[in-house]
């Protein structure tokens, strides 16, 4: 399922990044790679989406979160 559908408080594992290489490299530089655990801190369906990845909070836009495929743990 896309990360954009996950509720606040859930933990997920990144399964795949379905985006172009430029965005994929940017996400990988932020530590979002397949196999990474993410904790959903905030999910504003119309805008900013805050995740905790490896101890850091990141803000992602809805367009990006819809391209990150995850499984809920």
N, C-alpha and C. Protein backbone atom coordinates (compact mmCIF):
# COMPACT_ATOMS: atom_id res chain seq x y z
N UNK A 1 0.85 -1.18 0.00
CA UNK A 1 0.00 0.00 0.00
C UNK A 1 0.89 1.24 0.00
N UNK A 2 0.40 2.34 -0.54
CA UNK A 2 1.19 3.58 -0.53
C UNK A 2 1.30 4.15 0.89
N UNK A 3 2.43 4.74 1.18
CA UNK A 3 2.65 5.37 2.48
C UNK A 3 1.58 6.40 2.80
N UNK A 4 1.06 7.07 1.80
CA UNK A 4 0.06 8.12 2.00
C UNK A 4 -1.23 7.61 2.65
N UNK A 5 -1.48 6.30 2.63
CA UNK A 5 -2.70 5.72 3.21
C UNK A 5 -2.54 5.28 4.66
N UNK A 6 -1.33 5.37 5.21
CA UNK A 6 -1.06 4.84 6.55
C UNK A 6 -1.46 5.86 7.62
N UNK A 7 -2.06 5.37 8.69
CA UNK A 7 -2.52 6.22 9.78
C UNK A 7 -1.40 6.58 10.75
N UNK A 8 -1.59 7.69 11.44
CA UNK A 8 -0.63 8.16 12.46
C UNK A 8 -0.45 7.09 13.52
N UNK A 9 0.81 6.90 13.94
CA UNK A 9 1.13 5.94 14.99
C UNK A 9 1.53 4.58 14.48
N UNK A 10 1.25 4.28 13.23
CA UNK A 10 1.62 2.98 12.66
C UNK A 10 3.08 2.95 12.28
N UNK A 11 3.67 1.77 12.38
CA UNK A 11 5.02 1.55 11.89
C UNK A 11 4.92 0.74 10.60
N UNK A 12 5.77 1.07 9.65
CA UNK A 12 5.75 0.39 8.36
C UNK A 12 7.18 0.03 7.94
N UNK A 13 7.26 -0.87 6.98
CA UNK A 13 8.53 -1.21 6.35
C UNK A 13 8.42 -0.80 4.88
N UNK A 14 9.42 -0.07 4.40
CA UNK A 14 9.44 0.34 3.00
C UNK A 14 9.69 -0.90 2.14
N UNK A 15 8.83 -1.11 1.14
CA UNK A 15 8.97 -2.24 0.21
C UNK A 15 9.57 -1.81 -1.12
N UNK A 16 9.13 -0.67 -1.64
CA UNK A 16 9.67 -0.21 -2.92
C UNK A 16 9.43 1.29 -3.09
N UNK A 17 10.22 1.88 -3.98
CA UNK A 17 10.09 3.30 -4.33
C UNK A 17 9.72 3.36 -5.80
N UNK A 18 8.49 3.76 -6.09
CA UNK A 18 7.98 3.80 -7.46
C UNK A 18 8.03 5.22 -8.02
N UNK A 19 9.25 5.71 -8.22
CA UNK A 19 9.43 7.08 -8.69
C UNK A 19 10.65 7.14 -9.61
N UNK A 20 10.85 8.30 -10.22
CA UNK A 20 11.99 8.43 -11.13
C UNK A 20 13.31 8.42 -10.34
N UNK A 21 14.40 8.24 -11.05
CA UNK A 21 15.72 8.09 -10.41
C UNK A 21 16.13 9.29 -9.57
N UNK A 22 15.79 10.50 -10.00
CA UNK A 22 16.17 11.69 -9.25
C UNK A 22 15.52 11.69 -7.86
N UNK A 23 14.23 11.41 -7.81
CA UNK A 23 13.52 11.38 -6.53
C UNK A 23 13.97 10.18 -5.70
N UNK A 24 14.18 9.04 -6.36
CA UNK A 24 14.63 7.84 -5.66
C UNK A 24 15.97 8.09 -4.96
N UNK A 25 16.89 8.74 -5.65
CA UNK A 25 18.20 9.03 -5.06
C UNK A 25 18.07 9.99 -3.88
N UNK A 26 17.17 10.94 -3.98
CA UNK A 26 16.94 11.89 -2.88
C UNK A 26 16.38 11.17 -1.66
N UNK A 27 15.40 10.29 -1.88
CA UNK A 27 14.82 9.52 -0.78
C UNK A 27 15.88 8.61 -0.14
N UNK A 28 16.69 7.98 -0.98
CA UNK A 28 17.75 7.10 -0.46
C UNK A 28 18.75 7.89 0.36
N UNK A 29 19.06 9.13 -0.06
CA UNK A 29 19.98 9.98 0.70
C UNK A 29 19.41 10.34 2.07
N UNK A 30 18.07 10.37 2.18
CA UNK A 30 17.42 10.66 3.46
C UNK A 30 17.24 9.40 4.29
N UNK A 31 17.67 8.25 3.77
CA UNK A 31 17.57 7.00 4.52
C UNK A 31 16.33 6.19 4.23
N UNK A 32 15.54 6.60 3.25
CA UNK A 32 14.33 5.86 2.90
C UNK A 32 14.67 4.92 1.75
N UNK A 33 14.95 3.67 2.13
CA UNK A 33 15.30 2.63 1.16
C UNK A 33 14.47 1.38 1.51
N UNK A 34 14.31 0.47 0.56
CA UNK A 34 13.58 -0.76 0.88
C UNK A 34 14.18 -1.46 2.09
N UNK A 35 13.29 -1.88 3.00
CA UNK A 35 13.71 -2.54 4.24
C UNK A 35 13.77 -1.61 5.44
N UNK A 36 13.67 -0.31 5.22
CA UNK A 36 13.74 0.67 6.30
C UNK A 36 12.41 0.74 7.04
N UNK A 37 12.47 0.83 8.38
CA UNK A 37 11.27 1.02 9.20
C UNK A 37 10.97 2.51 9.32
N UNK A 38 9.71 2.86 9.22
CA UNK A 38 9.25 4.24 9.38
C UNK A 38 8.13 4.27 10.41
N UNK A 39 8.09 5.30 11.23
CA UNK A 39 7.00 5.55 12.16
C UNK A 39 6.26 6.78 11.66
N UNK A 40 4.95 6.67 11.51
CA UNK A 40 4.14 7.78 11.02
C UNK A 40 3.82 8.72 12.18
N UNK A 41 4.33 9.94 12.11
CA UNK A 41 4.15 10.94 13.16
C UNK A 41 2.92 11.81 12.88
N UNK A 42 2.74 12.19 11.62
CA UNK A 42 1.61 13.04 11.22
C UNK A 42 1.22 12.70 9.80
N UNK A 43 -0.08 12.69 9.54
CA UNK A 43 -0.56 12.41 8.19
C UNK A 43 -1.65 13.40 7.84
N UNK A 44 -1.24 14.50 7.22
CA UNK A 44 -2.19 15.49 6.71
C UNK A 44 -2.46 15.09 5.27
N UNK A 45 -3.61 14.51 5.02
CA UNK A 45 -3.93 13.94 3.70
C UNK A 45 -3.76 14.94 2.55
N UNK A 46 -3.83 16.24 2.85
CA UNK A 46 -3.72 17.24 1.80
C UNK A 46 -2.34 17.87 1.68
N UNK A 47 -1.42 17.49 2.56
CA UNK A 47 -0.13 18.17 2.52
C UNK A 47 0.96 17.40 3.21
N UNK A 48 1.63 18.06 4.15
CA UNK A 48 2.78 17.48 4.81
C UNK A 48 2.51 16.18 5.54
N UNK A 49 3.44 15.28 5.41
CA UNK A 49 3.39 13.95 6.01
C UNK A 49 4.69 13.80 6.77
N UNK A 50 4.65 13.61 8.08
CA UNK A 50 5.87 13.54 8.88
C UNK A 50 6.12 12.10 9.28
N UNK A 51 7.34 11.63 9.00
CA UNK A 51 7.75 10.29 9.38
C UNK A 51 9.03 10.35 10.20
N UNK A 52 9.20 9.38 11.07
CA UNK A 52 10.44 9.23 11.82
C UNK A 52 11.20 8.10 11.15
N UNK A 53 12.38 8.41 10.65
CA UNK A 53 13.23 7.40 10.01
C UNK A 53 14.61 7.44 10.65
N UNK A 54 14.99 6.34 11.26
CA UNK A 54 16.30 6.22 11.89
C UNK A 54 16.59 7.35 12.88
N UNK A 55 15.56 7.75 13.65
CA UNK A 55 15.73 8.77 14.67
C UNK A 55 15.59 10.20 14.20
N UNK A 56 15.34 10.40 12.92
CA UNK A 56 15.15 11.76 12.38
C UNK A 56 13.74 11.91 11.83
N UNK A 57 13.16 13.09 12.02
CA UNK A 57 11.84 13.37 11.47
C UNK A 57 12.00 14.02 10.10
N UNK A 58 11.24 13.51 9.14
CA UNK A 58 11.25 14.04 7.78
C UNK A 58 9.85 14.45 7.38
N UNK A 59 9.75 15.52 6.63
CA UNK A 59 8.46 15.96 6.10
C UNK A 59 8.46 15.65 4.60
N UNK A 60 7.44 14.91 4.18
CA UNK A 60 7.30 14.51 2.78
C UNK A 60 5.96 15.00 2.25
N UNK A 61 5.92 15.36 0.99
CA UNK A 61 4.68 15.78 0.35
C UNK A 61 3.84 14.59 -0.07
N UNK A 62 2.54 14.82 -0.26
CA UNK A 62 1.62 13.75 -0.64
C UNK A 62 2.03 13.09 -1.96
N UNK A 63 2.53 13.85 -2.89
CA UNK A 63 2.94 13.31 -4.19
C UNK A 63 4.02 12.24 -4.01
N UNK A 64 4.96 12.48 -3.10
CA UNK A 64 6.04 11.54 -2.83
C UNK A 64 5.53 10.34 -2.04
N UNK A 65 4.73 10.58 -1.00
CA UNK A 65 4.28 9.47 -0.16
C UNK A 65 3.39 8.49 -0.93
N UNK A 66 2.75 8.95 -1.99
CA UNK A 66 1.93 8.04 -2.79
C UNK A 66 2.77 7.10 -3.64
N UNK A 67 4.07 7.39 -3.75
CA UNK A 67 4.97 6.56 -4.56
C UNK A 67 5.86 5.65 -3.72
N UNK A 68 5.75 5.74 -2.40
CA UNK A 68 6.53 4.88 -1.50
C UNK A 68 5.61 3.75 -1.05
N UNK A 69 5.90 2.51 -1.49
CA UNK A 69 5.09 1.36 -1.14
C UNK A 69 5.61 0.74 0.16
N UNK A 70 4.68 0.46 1.07
CA UNK A 70 5.04 -0.04 2.40
C UNK A 70 4.14 -1.19 2.84
N UNK A 71 4.59 -1.91 3.86
CA UNK A 71 3.79 -2.90 4.57
C UNK A 71 3.71 -2.47 6.02
N UNK A 72 2.54 -2.58 6.63
CA UNK A 72 2.38 -2.24 8.06
C UNK A 72 2.95 -3.38 8.88
N UNK A 73 3.73 -3.03 9.92
CA UNK A 73 4.33 -4.07 10.77
C UNK A 73 3.44 -4.38 11.95
